[in-house]
Amino acid sequence: MSSSKPYADIPGTTIFDTDQARRGYHLNMFCMSLMKPENRARFKANERSYLDTWPMTEEQKSAVLDRDYNRMISLGGNIYFLAKLFATDGKSFQYVAAQMAGMSQEDYARMMSSGGRTPRA
């Protein structure tokens, strides 16, 4: 992101703006493809082969294979598109959010039910 953007320096936050949307277009379209059962089946049968049909960067493909959602977001992924990937894996939003926060699902649920995180400066 350009440093001229007033929101570019929010600690720990990746803003999904037009630059990120462009960067992650093919990653997000791959995720959307998983809405079709036949594409989910192809992906599950051979993840790498299916990913190679998409013009994503190698870094994006590696992040998908590693299920590194924080990295996918930094590479232009949008959480609502990425939801198609973790749903394909049978994972819930809460499970993935906990993983992204470096917490157990139980600790994450407890934190969120008590008002969430305290913002860091």
PDB file of N, CA and C in Angstrom:
ATOM      1  N   MET A   1       0.823  -1.185   0.000  1.00  0.00           N
ATOM      2  CA  MET A   1       0.000   0.000   0.000  1.00  0.00           C
ATOM      3  C   MET A   1       0.863   1.242   0.000  1.00  0.00           C
ATOM      4  N   SER A   2       0.380   2.220  -0.643  1.00  0.00           N
ATOM      5  CA  SER A   2       1.080   3.494  -0.704  1.00  0.00           C
ATOM      6  C   SER A   2       1.070   4.163   0.656  1.00  0.00           C
ATOM      7  N   SER A   3       2.204   4.769   1.030  1.00  0.00           N
ATOM      8  CA  SER A   3       2.274   5.450   2.316  1.00  0.00           C
ATOM      9  C   SER A   3       1.483   6.749   2.298  1.00  0.00           C
ATOM     10  N   SER A   4       0.987   7.188   1.127  1.00  0.00           N
ATOM     11  CA  SER A   4       0.194   8.404   1.049  1.00  0.00           C
ATOM     12  C   SER A   4      -1.251   8.175   1.488  1.00  0.00           C
ATOM     13  N   LYS A   5      -1.607   6.939   1.729  1.00  0.00           N
ATOM     14  CA  LYS A   5      -2.964   6.630   2.169  1.00  0.00           C
ATOM     15  C   LYS A   5      -3.051   6.879   3.677  1.00  0.00           C
ATOM     16  N   PRO A   6      -4.028   7.645   4.127  1.00  0.00           N
ATOM     17  CA  PRO A   6      -4.100   8.005   5.550  1.00  0.00           C
ATOM     18  C   PRO A   6      -4.314   6.796   6.470  1.00  0.00           C
ATOM     19  N   TYR A   7      -4.785   5.681   5.920  1.00  0.00           N
ATOM     20  CA  TYR A   7      -5.057   4.495   6.729  1.00  0.00           C
ATOM     21  C   TYR A   7      -3.950   3.449   6.625  1.00  0.00           C
ATOM     22  N   ALA A   8      -2.870   3.764   5.973  1.00  0.00           N
ATOM     23  CA  ALA A   8      -1.824   2.770   5.703  1.00  0.00           C
ATOM     24  C   ALA A   8      -1.041   2.349   6.928  1.00  0.00           C
ATOM     25  N   ASP A   9      -1.126   3.091   8.012  1.00  0.00           N
ATOM     26  CA  ASP A   9      -0.294   2.769   9.173  1.00  0.00           C
ATOM     27  C   ASP A   9      -1.103   2.310  10.386  1.00  0.00           C
ATOM     28  N   ILE A  10      -2.262   1.686  10.168  1.00  0.00           N
ATOM     29  CA  ILE A  10      -3.039   1.134  11.271  1.00  0.00           C
ATOM     30  C   ILE A  10      -2.355  -0.168  11.684  1.00  0.00           C
ATOM     31  N   PRO A  11      -1.796  -0.219  12.899  1.00  0.00           N
ATOM     32  CA  PRO A  11      -1.027  -1.400  13.325  1.00  0.00           C
ATOM     33  C   PRO A  11      -1.845  -2.697  13.242  1.00  0.00           C
ATOM     34  N   GLY A  12      -1.230  -3.702  12.648  1.00  0.00           N
ATOM     35  CA  GLY A  12      -1.840  -5.030  12.580  1.00  0.00           C
ATOM     36  C   GLY A  12      -3.037  -5.136  11.657  1.00  0.00           C
ATOM     37  N   THR A  13      -3.214  -4.170  10.766  1.00  0.00           N
ATOM     38  CA  THR A  13      -4.407  -4.146   9.919  1.00  0.00           C
ATOM     39  C   THR A  13      -4.015  -4.048   8.449  1.00  0.00           C
ATOM     40  N   THR A  14      -4.620  -4.906   7.646  1.00  0.00           N
ATOM     41  CA  THR A  14      -4.496  -4.804   6.194  1.00  0.00           C
ATOM     42  C   THR A  14      -5.834  -4.304   5.685  1.00  0.00           C
ATOM     43  N   ILE A  15      -5.844  -3.163   5.077  1.00  0.00           N
ATOM     44  CA  ILE A  15      -7.074  -2.592   4.532  1.00  0.00           C
ATOM     45  C   ILE A  15      -7.284  -3.141   3.127  1.00  0.00           C
ATOM     46  N   PHE A  16      -8.479  -3.663   2.894  1.00  0.00           N
ATOM     47  CA  PHE A  16      -8.806  -4.180   1.568  1.00  0.00           C
ATOM     48  C   PHE A  16      -9.329  -3.011   0.735  1.00  0.00           C
ATOM     49  N   ASP A  17      -8.424  -2.416  -0.006  1.00  0.00           N
ATOM     50  CA  ASP A  17      -8.762  -1.282  -0.860  1.00  0.00           C
ATOM     51  C   ASP A  17      -8.593  -1.692  -2.325  1.00  0.00           C
ATOM     52  N   THR A  18      -8.631  -0.729  -3.219  1.00  0.00           N
ATOM     53  CA  THR A  18      -8.535  -1.075  -4.637  1.00  0.00           C
ATOM     54  C   THR A  18      -7.189  -1.702  -4.990  1.00  0.00           C
ATOM     55  N   ASP A  19      -6.110  -1.257  -4.345  1.00  0.00           N
ATOM     56  CA  ASP A  19      -4.807  -1.869  -4.620  1.00  0.00           C
ATOM     57  C   ASP A  19      -4.792  -3.333  -4.187  1.00  0.00           C
ATOM     58  N   GLN A  20      -5.332  -3.609  -3.012  1.00  0.00           N
ATOM     59  CA  GLN A  20      -5.396  -4.994  -2.535  1.00  0.00           C
ATOM     60  C   GLN A  20      -6.330  -5.822  -3.413  1.00  0.00           C
ATOM     61  N   ALA A  21      -7.435  -5.228  -3.832  1.00  0.00           N
ATOM     62  CA  ALA A  21      -8.379  -5.947  -4.691  1.00  0.00           C
ATOM     63  C   ALA A  21      -7.714  -6.363  -5.999  1.00  0.00           C
ATOM     64  N   ARG A  22      -6.924  -5.461  -6.574  1.00  0.00           N
ATOM     65  CA  ARG A  22      -6.199  -5.799  -7.808  1.00  0.00           C
ATOM     66  C   ARG A  22      -5.178  -6.898  -7.538  1.00  0.00           C
ATOM     67  N   ARG A  23      -4.440  -6.746  -6.455  1.00  0.00           N
ATOM     68  CA  ARG A  23      -3.386  -7.712  -6.116  1.00  0.00           C
ATOM     69  C   ARG A  23      -3.961  -9.109  -5.895  1.00  0.00           C
ATOM     70  N   GLY A  24      -5.120  -9.171  -5.273  1.00  0.00           N
ATOM     71  CA  GLY A  24      -5.686 -10.468  -4.916  1.00  0.00           C
ATOM     72  C   GLY A  24      -6.780 -10.973  -5.825  1.00  0.00           C
ATOM     73  N   TYR A  25      -6.967 -10.319  -6.960  1.00  0.00           N
ATOM     74  CA  TYR A  25      -8.083 -10.682  -7.834  1.00  0.00           C
ATOM     75  C   TYR A  25      -8.142 -12.184  -8.131  1.00  0.00           C
ATOM     76  N   HIS A  26      -7.050 -12.754  -8.614  1.00  0.00           N
ATOM     77  CA  HIS A  26      -7.072 -14.176  -9.004  1.00  0.00           C
ATOM     78  C   HIS A  26      -7.180 -15.090  -7.791  1.00  0.00           C
ATOM     79  N   LEU A  27      -6.580 -14.720  -6.682  1.00  0.00           N
ATOM     80  CA  LEU A  27      -6.729 -15.476  -5.436  1.00  0.00           C
ATOM     81  C   LEU A  27      -8.192 -15.498  -5.011  1.00  0.00           C
ATOM     82  N   ASN A  28      -8.828 -14.352  -5.045  1.00  0.00           N
ATOM     83  CA  ASN A  28     -10.230 -14.277  -4.634  1.00  0.00           C
ATOM     84  C   ASN A  28     -11.155 -14.991  -5.613  1.00  0.00           C
ATOM     85  N   MET A  29     -10.841 -14.933  -6.911  1.00  0.00           N
ATOM     86  CA  MET A  29     -11.663 -15.648  -7.896  1.00  0.00           C
ATOM     87  C   MET A  29     -11.486 -17.163  -7.760  1.00  0.00           C
ATOM     88  N   PHE A  30     -10.257 -17.596  -7.419  1.00  0.00           N
ATOM     89  CA  PHE A  30     -10.053 -19.017  -7.110  1.00  0.00           C
ATOM     90  C   PHE A  30     -10.984 -19.422  -5.970  1.00  0.00           C
ATOM     91  N   CYS A  31     -11.004 -18.616  -4.914  1.00  0.00           N
ATOM     92  CA  CYS A  31     -11.858 -18.931  -3.763  1.00  0.00           C
ATOM     93  C   CYS A  31     -13.326 -19.001  -4.176  1.00  0.00           C
ATOM     94  N   MET A  32     -13.763 -18.044  -4.987  1.00  0.00           N
ATOM     95  CA  MET A  32     -15.155 -18.048  -5.443  1.00  0.00           C
ATOM     96  C   MET A  32     -15.469 -19.285  -6.279  1.00  0.00           C
ATOM     97  N   SER A  33     -14.478 -19.805  -6.976  1.00  0.00           N
ATOM     98  CA  SER A  33     -14.717 -20.997  -7.793  1.00  0.00           C
ATOM     99  C   SER A  33     -15.125 -22.186  -6.926  1.00  0.00           C
ATOM    100  N   LEU A  34     -14.751 -22.144  -5.650  1.00  0.00           N
ATOM    101  CA  LEU A  34     -15.050 -23.255  -4.746  1.00  0.00           C
ATOM    102  C   LEU A  34     -16.521 -23.304  -4.343  1.00  0.00           C
ATOM    103  N   MET A  35     -17.311 -22.373  -4.841  1.00  0.00           N
ATOM    104  CA  MET A  35     -18.751 -22.433  -4.594  1.00  0.00           C
ATOM    105  C   MET A  35     -19.405 -23.558  -5.397  1.00  0.00           C
ATOM    106  N   LYS A  36     -18.726 -23.998  -6.464  1.00  0.00           N
ATOM    107  CA  LYS A  36     -19.271 -25.067  -7.295  1.00  0.00           C
ATOM    108  C   LYS A  36     -18.740 -26.413  -6.809  1.00  0.00           C
ATOM    109  N   PRO A  37     -19.635 -27.371  -6.580  1.00  0.00           N
ATOM    110  CA  PRO A  37     -19.210 -28.687  -6.075  1.00  0.00           C
ATOM    111  C   PRO A  37     -18.131 -29.354  -6.925  1.00  0.00           C
ATOM    112  N   GLU A  38     -18.245 -29.225  -8.251  1.00  0.00           N
ATOM    113  CA  GLU A  38     -17.258 -29.886  -9.112  1.00  0.00           C
ATOM    114  C   GLU A  38     -15.868 -29.252  -8.953  1.00  0.00           C
ATOM    115  N   ASN A  39     -15.812 -27.963  -8.679  1.00  0.00           N
ATOM    116  CA  ASN A  39     -14.511 -27.315  -8.456  1.00  0.00           C
ATOM    117  C   ASN A  39     -13.932 -27.696  -7.096  1.00  0.00           C
ATOM    118  N   ARG A  40     -14.803 -27.804  -6.099  1.00  0.00           N
ATOM    119  CA  ARG A  40     -14.318 -28.265  -4.785  1.00  0.00           C
ATOM    120  C   ARG A  40     -13.736 -29.669  -4.899  1.00  0.00           C
ATOM    121  N   ALA A  41     -14.406 -30.515  -5.651  1.00  0.00           N
ATOM    122  CA  ALA A  41     -13.923 -31.889  -5.831  1.00  0.00           C
ATOM    123  C   ALA A  41     -12.566 -31.890  -6.546  1.00  0.00           C
ATOM    124  N   ARG A  42     -12.427 -31.089  -7.584  1.00  0.00           N
ATOM    125  CA  ARG A  42     -11.141 -31.009  -8.302  1.00  0.00           C
ATOM    126  C   ARG A  42     -10.039 -30.486  -7.385  1.00  0.00           C
ATOM    127  N   PHE A  43     -10.347 -29.470  -6.609  1.00  0.00           N
ATOM    128  CA  PHE A  43      -9.366 -28.894  -5.692  1.00  0.00           C
ATOM    129  C   PHE A  43      -8.950 -29.912  -4.633  1.00  0.00           C
ATOM    130  N   LYS A  44      -9.932 -30.584  -4.041  1.00  0.00           N
ATOM    131  CA  LYS A  44      -9.619 -31.576  -3.002  1.00  0.00           C
ATOM    132  C   LYS A  44      -8.823 -32.747  -3.561  1.00  0.00           C
ATOM    133  N   ALA A  45      -9.067 -33.106  -4.804  1.00  0.00           N
ATOM    134  CA  ALA A  45      -8.369 -34.244  -5.419  1.00  0.00           C
ATOM    135  C   ALA A  45      -6.894 -33.939  -5.642  1.00  0.00           C
ATOM    136  N   ASN A  46      -6.577 -32.702  -6.024  1.00  0.00           N
ATOM    137  CA  ASN A  46      -5.184 -32.323  -6.256  1.00  0.00           C
ATOM    138  C   ASN A  46      -5.080 -30.796  -6.160  1.00  0.00           C
ATOM    139  N   GLU A  47      -4.825 -30.329  -4.943  1.00  0.00           N
ATOM    140  CA  GLU A  47      -4.827 -28.893  -4.684  1.00  0.00           C
ATOM    141  C   GLU A  47      -3.852 -28.139  -5.576  1.00  0.00           C
ATOM    142  N   ARG A  48      -2.642 -28.630  -5.682  1.00  0.00           N
ATOM    143  CA  ARG A  48      -1.631 -27.922  -6.466  1.00  0.00           C
ATOM    144  C   ARG A  48      -2.026 -27.844  -7.934  1.00  0.00           C
ATOM    145  N   SER A  49      -2.504 -28.937  -8.468  1.00  0.00           N
ATOM    146  CA  SER A  49      -2.909 -28.958  -9.864  1.00  0.00           C
ATOM    147  C   SER A  49      -4.034 -27.957 -10.123  1.00  0.00           C
ATOM    148  N   TYR A  50      -5.007 -27.910  -9.231  1.00  0.00           N
ATOM    149  CA  TYR A  50      -6.117 -26.970  -9.401  1.00  0.00           C
ATOM    150  C   TYR A  50      -5.619 -25.531  -9.280  1.00  0.00           C
ATOM    151  N   LEU A  51      -4.751 -25.265  -8.308  1.00  0.00           N
ATOM    152  CA  LEU A  51      -4.206 -23.914  -8.147  1.00  0.00           C
ATOM    153  C   LEU A  51      -3.440 -23.473  -9.384  1.00  0.00           C
ATOM    154  N   ASP A  52      -2.766 -24.407 -10.010  1.00  0.00           N
ATOM    155  CA  ASP A  52      -1.968 -24.068 -11.193  1.00  0.00           C
ATOM    156  C   ASP A  52      -2.825 -23.662 -12.393  1.00  0.00           C
ATOM    157  N   THR A  53      -4.137 -23.876 -12.315  1.00  0.00           N
ATOM    158  CA  THR A  53      -5.011 -23.408 -13.392  1.00  0.00           C
ATOM    159  C   THR A  53      -5.357 -21.932 -13.217  1.00  0.00           C
ATOM    160  N   TRP A  54      -4.926 -21.338 -12.114  1.00  0.00           N
ATOM    161  CA  TRP A  54      -5.208 -19.932 -11.812  1.00  0.00           C
ATOM    162  C   TRP A  54      -3.928 -19.116 -11.928  1.00  0.00           C
ATOM    163  N   PRO A  55      -4.007 -17.923 -12.511  1.00  0.00           N
ATOM    164  CA  PRO A  55      -2.798 -17.091 -12.673  1.00  0.00           C
ATOM    165  C   PRO A  55      -2.430 -16.316 -11.407  1.00  0.00           C
ATOM    166  N   MET A  56      -2.353 -17.035 -10.304  1.00  0.00           N
ATOM    167  CA  MET A  56      -1.935 -16.430  -9.037  1.00  0.00           C
ATOM    168  C   MET A  56      -0.416 -16.451  -8.950  1.00  0.00           C
ATOM    169  N   THR A  57       0.125 -15.641  -8.055  1.00  0.00           N
ATOM    170  CA  THR A  57       1.565 -15.689  -7.822  1.00  0.00           C
ATOM    171  C   THR A  57       1.906 -16.971  -7.075  1.00  0.00           C
ATOM    172  N   GLU A  58       3.157 -17.361  -7.160  1.00  0.00           N
ATOM    173  CA  GLU A  58       3.602 -18.544  -6.421  1.00  0.00           C
ATOM    174  C   GLU A  58       3.411 -18.331  -4.916  1.00  0.00           C
ATOM    175  N   GLU A  59       3.632 -17.108  -4.471  1.00  0.00           N
ATOM    176  CA  GLU A  59       3.461 -16.772  -3.056  1.00  0.00           C
ATOM    177  C   GLU A  59       1.999 -16.964  -2.623  1.00  0.00           C
ATOM    178  N   GLN A  60       1.064 -16.572  -3.464  1.00  0.00           N
ATOM    179  CA  GLN A  60      -0.350 -16.770  -3.157  1.00  0.00           C
ATOM    180  C   GLN A  60      -0.693 -18.257  -3.119  1.00  0.00           C
ATOM    181  N   LYS A  61      -0.192 -19.005  -4.095  1.00  0.00           N
ATOM    182  CA  LYS A  61      -0.457 -20.445  -4.121  1.00  0.00           C
ATOM    183  C   LYS A  61       0.104 -21.127  -2.875  1.00  0.00           C
ATOM    184  N   SER A  62       1.302 -20.757  -2.476  1.00  0.00           N
ATOM    185  CA  SER A  62       1.912 -21.334  -1.266  1.00  0.00           C
ATOM    186  C   SER A  62       1.093 -21.012  -0.030  1.00  0.00           C
ATOM    187  N   ALA A  63       0.601 -19.776   0.051  1.00  0.00           N
ATOM    188  CA  ALA A  63      -0.224 -19.389   1.201  1.00  0.00           C
ATOM    189  C   ALA A  63      -1.495 -20.228   1.257  1.00  0.00           C
ATOM    190  N   VAL A  64      -2.098 -20.494   0.091  1.00  0.00           N
ATOM    191  CA  VAL A  64      -3.291 -21.343   0.048  1.00  0.00           C
ATOM    192  C   VAL A  64      -2.941 -22.754   0.510  1.00  0.00           C
ATOM    193  N   LEU A  65      -1.894 -23.323  -0.049  1.00  0.00           N
ATOM    194  CA  LEU A  65      -1.507 -24.693   0.315  1.00  0.00           C
ATOM    195  C   LEU A  65      -1.186 -24.812   1.801  1.00  0.00           C
ATOM    196  N   ASP A  66      -0.608 -23.757   2.369  1.00  0.00           N
ATOM    197  CA  ASP A  66      -0.267 -23.747   3.797  1.00  0.00           C
ATOM    198  C   ASP A  66      -1.443 -23.349   4.675  1.00  0.00           C
ATOM    199  N   ARG A  67      -2.535 -22.918   4.046  1.00  0.00           N
ATOM    200  CA  ARG A  67      -3.705 -22.386   4.755  1.00  0.00           C
ATOM    201  C   ARG A  67      -3.288 -21.267   5.713  1.00  0.00           C
ATOM    202  N   ASP A  68      -2.404 -20.418   5.198  1.00  0.00           N
ATOM    203  CA  ASP A  68      -1.924 -19.257   5.943  1.00  0.00           C
ATOM    204  C   ASP A  68      -2.818 -18.074   5.580  1.00  0.00           C
ATOM    205  N   TYR A  69      -3.911 -17.948   6.318  1.00  0.00           N
ATOM    206  CA  TYR A  69      -4.913 -16.933   6.006  1.00  0.00           C
ATOM    207  C   TYR A  69      -4.394 -15.516   6.204  1.00  0.00           C
ATOM    208  N   ASN A  70      -3.567 -15.287   7.204  1.00  0.00           N
ATOM    209  CA  ASN A  70      -2.987 -13.955   7.385  1.00  0.00           C
ATOM    210  C   ASN A  70      -2.146 -13.575   6.168  1.00  0.00           C
ATOM    211  N   ARG A  71      -1.385 -14.522   5.654  1.00  0.00           N
ATOM    212  CA  ARG A  71      -0.564 -14.254   4.471  1.00  0.00           C
ATOM    213  C   ARG A  71      -1.449 -14.017   3.250  1.00  0.00           C
ATOM    214  N   MET A  72      -2.503 -14.828   3.113  1.00  0.00           N
ATOM    215  CA  MET A  72      -3.417 -14.630   1.992  1.00  0.00           C
ATOM    216  C   MET A  72      -4.006 -13.229   2.019  1.00  0.00           C
ATOM    217  N   ILE A  73      -4.372 -12.741   3.196  1.00  0.00           N
ATOM    218  CA  ILE A  73      -4.916 -11.388   3.304  1.00  0.00           C
ATOM    219  C   ILE A  73      -3.860 -10.363   2.910  1.00  0.00           C
ATOM    220  N   SER A  74      -2.632 -10.562   3.349  1.00  0.00           N
ATOM    221  CA  SER A  74      -1.577  -9.606   2.983  1.00  0.00           C
ATOM    222  C   SER A  74      -1.290  -9.627   1.485  1.00  0.00           C
ATOM    223  N   LEU A  75      -1.645 -10.728   0.816  1.00  0.00           N
ATOM    224  CA  LEU A  75      -1.423 -10.872  -0.628  1.00  0.00           C
ATOM    225  C   LEU A  75      -2.662 -10.530  -1.451  1.00  0.00           C
ATOM    226  N   GLY A  76      -3.627  -9.877  -0.813  1.00  0.00           N
ATOM    227  CA  GLY A  76      -4.809  -9.414  -1.526  1.00  0.00           C
ATOM    228  C   GLY A  76      -6.069 -10.209  -1.297  1.00  0.00           C
ATOM    229  N   GLY A  77      -6.000 -11.231  -0.459  1.00  0.00           N
ATOM    230  CA  GLY A  77      -7.198 -12.005  -0.170  1.00  0.00           C
ATOM    231  C   GLY A  77      -8.180 -11.210   0.662  1.00  0.00           C
ATOM    232  N   ASN A  78      -9.441 -11.437   0.429  1.00  0.00           N
ATOM    233  CA  ASN A  78     -10.503 -10.810   1.206  1.00  0.00           C
ATOM    234  C   ASN A  78     -11.152 -11.909   2.032  1.00  0.00           C
ATOM    235  N   ILE A  79     -11.356 -11.652   3.315  1.00  0.00           N
ATOM    236  CA  ILE A  79     -11.840 -12.694   4.225  1.00  0.00           C
ATOM    237  C   ILE A  79     -13.148 -13.311   3.749  1.00  0.00           C
ATOM    238  N   TYR A  80     -14.009 -12.531   3.100  1.00  0.00           N
ATOM    239  CA  TYR A  80     -15.290 -13.083   2.645  1.00  0.00           C
ATOM    240  C   TYR A  80     -15.120 -14.021   1.459  1.00  0.00           C
ATOM    241  N   PHE A  81     -14.107 -13.803   0.653  1.00  0.00           N
ATOM    242  CA  PHE A  81     -13.779 -14.754  -0.412  1.00  0.00           C
ATOM    243  C   PHE A  81     -13.053 -15.962   0.178  1.00  0.00           C
ATOM    244  N   LEU A  82     -12.121 -15.701   1.096  1.00  0.00           N
ATOM    245  CA  LEU A  82     -11.362 -16.787   1.718  1.00  0.00           C
ATOM    246  C   LEU A  82     -12.278 -17.742   2.479  1.00  0.00           C
ATOM    247  N   ALA A  83     -13.434 -17.256   2.889  1.00  0.00           N
ATOM    248  CA  ALA A  83     -14.391 -18.109   3.593  1.00  0.00           C
ATOM    249  C   ALA A  83     -14.781 -19.327   2.756  1.00  0.00           C
ATOM    250  N   LYS A  84     -14.764 -19.172   1.444  1.00  0.00           N
ATOM    251  CA  LYS A  84     -15.087 -20.315   0.572  1.00  0.00           C
ATOM    252  C   LYS A  84     -14.039 -21.410   0.706  1.00  0.00           C
ATOM    253  N   LEU A  85     -12.790 -21.011   0.921  1.00  0.00           N
ATOM    254  CA  LEU A  85     -11.709 -21.990   1.103  1.00  0.00           C
ATOM    255  C   LEU A  85     -11.851 -22.695   2.441  1.00  0.00           C
ATOM    256  N   PHE A  86     -12.041 -21.929   3.512  1.00  0.00           N
ATOM    257  CA  PHE A  86     -12.117 -22.648   4.783  1.00  0.00           C
ATOM    258  C   PHE A  86     -13.417 -23.426   4.928  1.00  0.00           C
ATOM    259  N   ALA A  87     -14.479 -23.017   4.246  1.00  0.00           N
ATOM    260  CA  ALA A  87     -15.692 -23.835   4.234  1.00  0.00           C
ATOM    261  C   ALA A  87     -15.444 -25.146   3.488  1.00  0.00           C
ATOM    262  N   THR A  88     -14.652 -25.078   2.426  1.00  0.00           N
ATOM    263  CA  THR A  88     -14.279 -26.289   1.686  1.00  0.00           C
ATOM    264  C   THR A  88     -13.521 -27.259   2.599  1.00  0.00           C
ATOM    265  N   ASP A  89     -12.753 -26.709   3.523  1.00  0.00           N
ATOM    266  CA  ASP A  89     -12.012 -27.524   4.492  1.00  0.00           C
ATOM    267  C   ASP A  89     -12.864 -27.924   5.693  1.00  0.00           C
ATOM    268  N   GLY A  90     -14.121 -27.487   5.727  1.00  0.00           N
ATOM    269  CA  GLY A  90     -15.005 -27.813   6.844  1.00  0.00           C
ATOM    270  C   GLY A  90     -14.704 -27.013   8.106  1.00  0.00           C
ATOM    271  N   LYS A  91     -14.106 -25.844   7.938  1.00  0.00           N
ATOM    272  CA  LYS A  91     -13.739 -25.002   9.084  1.00  0.00           C
ATOM    273  C   LYS A  91     -14.716 -23.835   9.201  1.00  0.00           C
ATOM    274  N   SER A  92     -14.945 -23.401  10.425  1.00  0.00           N
ATOM    275  CA  SER A  92     -15.847 -22.279  10.676  1.00  0.00           C
ATOM    276  C   SER A  92     -15.088 -20.960  10.665  1.00  0.00           C
ATOM    277  N   PHE A  93     -15.840 -19.873  10.552  1.00  0.00           N
ATOM    278  CA  PHE A  93     -15.246 -18.541  10.644  1.00  0.00           C
ATOM    279  C   PHE A  93     -14.528 -18.391  11.984  1.00  0.00           C
ATOM    280  N   GLN A  94     -15.167 -18.871  13.049  1.00  0.00           N
ATOM    281  CA  GLN A  94     -14.576 -18.747  14.380  1.00  0.00           C
ATOM    282  C   GLN A  94     -13.261 -19.512  14.472  1.00  0.00           C
ATOM    283  N   TYR A  95     -13.212 -20.697  13.902  1.00  0.00           N
ATOM    284  CA  TYR A  95     -11.982 -21.485  13.927  1.00  0.00           C
ATOM    285  C   TYR A  95     -10.847 -20.740  13.226  1.00  0.00           C
ATOM    286  N   VAL A  96     -11.130 -20.209  12.032  1.00  0.00           N
ATOM    287  CA  VAL A  96     -10.095 -19.532  11.251  1.00  0.00           C
ATOM    288  C   VAL A  96      -9.688 -18.216  11.908  1.00  0.00           C
ATOM    289  N   ALA A  97     -10.656 -17.469  12.441  1.00  0.00           N
ATOM    290  CA  ALA A  97     -10.330 -16.214  13.130  1.00  0.00           C
ATOM    291  C   ALA A  97      -9.420 -16.499  14.326  1.00  0.00           C
ATOM    292  N   ALA A  98      -9.690 -17.557  15.060  1.00  0.00           N
ATOM    293  CA  ALA A  98      -8.842 -17.936  16.198  1.00  0.00           C
ATOM    294  C   ALA A  98      -7.437 -18.284  15.719  1.00  0.00           C
ATOM    295  N   GLN A  99      -7.358 -19.062  14.654  1.00  0.00           N
ATOM    296  CA  GLN A  99      -6.063 -19.429  14.085  1.00  0.00           C
ATOM    297  C   GLN A  99      -5.293 -18.183  13.660  1.00  0.00           C
ATOM    298  N   MET A 100      -5.979 -17.248  13.016  1.00  0.00           N
ATOM    299  CA  MET A 100      -5.336 -16.020  12.557  1.00  0.00           C
ATOM    300  C   MET A 100      -4.861 -15.164  13.723  1.00  0.00           C
ATOM    301  N   ALA A 101      -5.560 -15.249  14.847  1.00  0.00           N
ATOM    302  CA  ALA A 101      -5.191 -14.482  16.037  1.00  0.00           C
ATOM    303  C   ALA A 101      -4.155 -15.214  16.889  1.00  0.00           C
ATOM    304  N   GLY A 102      -3.807 -16.451  16.494  1.00  0.00           N
ATOM    305  CA  GLY A 102      -2.833 -17.232  17.254  1.00  0.00           C
ATOM    306  C   GLY A 102      -3.393 -17.756  18.568  1.00  0.00           C
ATOM    307  N   MET A 103      -4.675 -18.082  18.557  1.00  0.00           N
ATOM    308  CA  MET A 103      -5.351 -18.534  19.775  1.00  0.00           C
ATOM    309  C   MET A 103      -6.079 -19.852  19.515  1.00  0.00           C
ATOM    310  N   SER A 104      -6.451 -20.522  20.600  1.00  0.00           N
ATOM    311  CA  SER A 104      -7.333 -21.673  20.440  1.00  0.00           C
ATOM    312  C   SER A 104      -8.735 -21.139  20.155  1.00  0.00           C
ATOM    313  N   GLN A 105      -9.565 -21.984  19.582  1.00  0.00           N
ATOM    314  CA  GLN A 105     -10.922 -21.558  19.281  1.00  0.00           C
ATOM    315  C   GLN A 105     -11.667 -21.197  20.567  1.00  0.00           C
ATOM    316  N   GLU A 106     -11.418 -21.949  21.622  1.00  0.00           N
ATOM    317  CA  GLU A 106     -12.078 -21.678  22.901  1.00  0.00           C
ATOM    318  C   GLU A 106     -11.646 -20.327  23.473  1.00  0.00           C
ATOM    319  N   ASP A 107     -10.331 -20.044  23.433  1.00  0.00           N
ATOM    320  CA  ASP A 107      -9.838 -18.762  23.938  1.00  0.00           C
ATOM    321  C   ASP A 107     -10.373 -17.607  23.097  1.00  0.00           C
ATOM    322  N   TYR A 108     -10.445 -17.808  21.803  1.00  0.00           N
ATOM    323  CA  TYR A 108     -10.964 -16.768  20.917  1.00  0.00           C
ATOM    324  C   TYR A 108     -12.431 -16.484  21.246  1.00  0.00           C
ATOM    325  N   ALA A 109     -13.224 -17.540  21.400  1.00  0.00           N
ATOM    326  CA  ALA A 109     -14.648 -17.367  21.719  1.00  0.00           C
ATOM    327  C   ALA A 109     -14.813 -16.652  23.057  1.00  0.00           C
ATOM    328  N   ARG A 110     -14.000 -17.013  24.027  1.00  0.00           N
ATOM    329  CA  ARG A 110     -14.056 -16.365  25.345  1.00  0.00           C
ATOM    330  C   ARG A 110     -13.705 -14.878  25.220  1.00  0.00           C
ATOM    331  N   MET A 111     -12.646 -14.572  24.467  1.00  0.00           N
ATOM    332  CA  MET A 111     -12.233 -13.191  24.281  1.00  0.00           C
ATOM    333  C   MET A 111     -13.346 -12.377  23.616  1.00  0.00           C
ATOM    334  N   MET A 112     -13.928 -12.928  22.563  1.00  0.00           N
ATOM    335  CA  MET A 112     -14.954 -12.188  21.834  1.00  0.00           C
ATOM    336  C   MET A 112     -16.215 -12.008  22.674  1.00  0.00           C
ATOM    337  N   SER A 113     -16.561 -12.977  23.502  1.00  0.00           N
ATOM    338  CA  SER A 113     -17.773 -12.840  24.330  1.00  0.00           C
ATOM    339  C   SER A 113     -17.560 -11.871  25.490  1.00  0.00           C
ATOM    340  N   SER A 114     -16.286 -11.535  25.757  1.00  0.00           N
ATOM    341  CA  SER A 114     -16.015 -10.573  26.835  1.00  0.00           C
ATOM    342  C   SER A 114     -15.670  -9.195  26.282  1.00  0.00           C
ATOM    343  N   GLY A 115     -16.020  -8.928  25.037  1.00  0.00           N
ATOM    344  CA  GLY A 115     -15.820  -7.595  24.483  1.00  0.00           C
ATOM    345  C   GLY A 115     -14.709  -7.477  23.473  1.00  0.00           C
ATOM    346  N   GLY A 116     -13.985  -8.533  23.161  1.00  0.00           N
ATOM    347  CA  GLY A 116     -12.937  -8.481  22.148  1.00  0.00           C
ATOM    348  C   GLY A 116     -11.597  -8.011  22.682  1.00  0.00           C
ATOM    349  N   ARG A 117     -10.696  -7.766  21.760  1.00  0.00           N
ATOM    350  CA  ARG A 117      -9.343  -7.343  22.092  1.00  0.00           C
ATOM    351  C   ARG A 117      -9.299  -5.872  22.449  1.00  0.00           C
ATOM    352  N   THR A 118      -8.307  -5.538  23.245  1.00  0.00           N
ATOM    353  CA  THR A 118      -8.011  -4.140  23.510  1.00  0.00           C
ATOM    354  C   THR A 118      -7.110  -3.653  22.384  1.00  0.00           C
ATOM    355  N   PRO A 119      -7.506  -2.563  21.728  1.00  0.00           N
ATOM    356  CA  PRO A 119      -6.661  -2.049  20.630  1.00  0.00           C
ATOM    357  C   PRO A 119      -5.263  -1.704  21.117  1.00  0.00           C
ATOM    358  N   ARG A 120      -4.274  -2.021  20.264  1.00  0.00           N
ATOM    359  CA  ARG A 120      -2.881  -1.671  20.569  1.00  0.00           C
ATOM    360  C   ARG A 120      -2.537  -0.363  19.880  1.00  0.00           C
ATOM    361  N   ALA A 121      -1.693   0.396  20.538  1.00  0.00           N
ATOM    362  CA  ALA A 121      -1.279   1.673  19.934  1.00  0.00           C
ATOM    363  C   ALA A 121      -0.178   1.452  18.936  1.00  0.00           C
TER     364      ALA A 121
END
